[in-house]
Amino acid sequence: MNIDEKNRSTKSYVRFRTMFDYVMGAFYVAMGLLMLFADKLGLRDAMGIKVEKPWLMALGILLVAYGLFRIYRGVRHVF
């Protein structure tokens, strides 16, 4: 493998990893927001979620934080 092929494959991997971080970060943020606003959206009753509200809030905060970290990691690779 010559240097041009290696650079091309490295660039494509970095591009893929960056897009993957964006998509997964957005997914985690969306799931976290669903957890945080499950009561207001009526999801706890409709889906039969048996988890208490403090646990949903804690999980929602963790998911949003991790999603923002994934998005930050994707931005960091671009710049």
Protein backbone atom coordinates (compact mmCIF):
# COMPACT_ATOMS: atom_id res chain seq x y z
CA MET A 1 0.00 0.00 0.00
CA ASN A 2 1.52 3.29 -1.04
CA ILE A 3 1.19 6.57 0.84
CA ASP A 4 -1.61 7.97 -1.37
CA GLU A 5 -3.81 4.92 -0.78
CA LYS A 6 -3.15 5.06 2.95
CA ASN A 7 -4.00 8.77 3.12
CA ARG A 8 -7.21 8.17 1.16
CA SER A 9 -8.30 5.34 3.42
CA THR A 10 -7.43 7.33 6.54
CA LYS A 11 -9.41 10.34 5.31
CA SER A 12 -12.42 8.23 4.50
CA TYR A 13 -12.27 6.57 7.93
CA VAL A 14 -12.07 9.94 9.68
CA ARG A 15 -15.01 11.22 7.60
CA PHE A 16 -17.04 8.10 8.41
CA ARG A 17 -16.19 8.32 12.11
CA THR A 18 -17.13 12.01 12.22
CA MET A 19 -20.51 11.41 10.58
CA PHE A 20 -21.12 8.42 12.84
CA ASP A 21 -20.42 10.58 15.90
CA TYR A 22 -22.88 13.21 14.66
CA VAL A 23 -25.66 10.71 13.99
CA MET A 24 -25.18 8.76 17.22
CA GLY A 25 -24.87 11.98 19.20
CA ALA A 26 -28.15 13.26 17.79
CA PHE A 27 -29.77 9.89 18.56
CA TYR A 28 -28.59 9.96 22.20
CA VAL A 29 -29.72 13.57 22.65
CA ALA A 30 -33.14 12.75 21.18
CA MET A 31 -33.55 9.69 23.42
CA GLY A 32 -32.45 11.72 26.45
CA LEU A 33 -34.97 14.43 25.67
CA LEU A 34 -37.68 11.80 25.31
CA MET A 35 -36.76 10.50 28.76
CA LEU A 36 -36.74 13.98 30.26
CA PHE A 37 -40.11 14.96 28.80
CA ALA A 38 -41.83 11.55 28.94
CA ASP A 39 -44.42 12.81 31.44
CA LYS A 40 -45.28 15.94 29.46
CA LEU A 41 -45.56 13.99 26.21
CA GLY A 42 -47.68 11.30 27.83
CA LEU A 43 -45.21 8.54 27.00
CA ARG A 44 -45.12 6.97 30.44
CA ASP A 45 -48.83 6.16 30.35
CA ALA A 46 -49.01 5.29 26.67
CA MET A 47 -46.01 2.95 26.72
CA GLY A 48 -46.57 1.59 30.19
CA ILE A 49 -43.18 2.68 31.48
CA LYS A 50 -42.89 1.53 35.09
CA VAL A 51 -39.76 3.52 35.94
CA GLU A 52 -40.03 6.24 38.55
CA LYS A 53 -39.54 9.85 37.50
CA PRO A 54 -36.16 10.47 39.23
CA TRP A 55 -34.65 7.51 37.37
CA LEU A 56 -36.03 8.75 34.06
CA MET A 57 -34.60 12.21 34.75
CA ALA A 58 -31.18 10.80 35.65
CA LEU A 59 -31.10 8.60 32.56
CA GLY A 60 -32.27 11.46 30.37
CA ILE A 61 -29.54 13.77 31.67
CA LEU A 62 -26.89 11.11 31.14
CA LEU A 63 -28.08 10.41 27.60
CA VAL A 64 -28.14 14.10 26.68
CA ALA A 65 -24.66 14.63 28.17
CA TYR A 66 -23.23 11.63 26.33
CA GLY A 67 -24.90 12.72 23.09
CA LEU A 68 -23.39 16.19 23.38
CA PHE A 69 -20.01 14.59 24.03
CA ARG A 70 -20.35 12.47 20.86
CA ILE A 71 -21.27 15.56 18.82
CA TYR A 72 -18.31 17.46 20.34
CA ARG A 73 -16.01 14.58 19.42
CA GLY A 74 -17.26 14.73 15.85
CA VAL A 75 -16.71 18.48 15.67
CA ARG A 76 -13.24 18.10 17.14
CA HIS A 77 -12.23 15.78 14.26
CA VAL A 78 -13.40 18.27 11.66
CA PHE A 79 -11.42 21.23 13.00
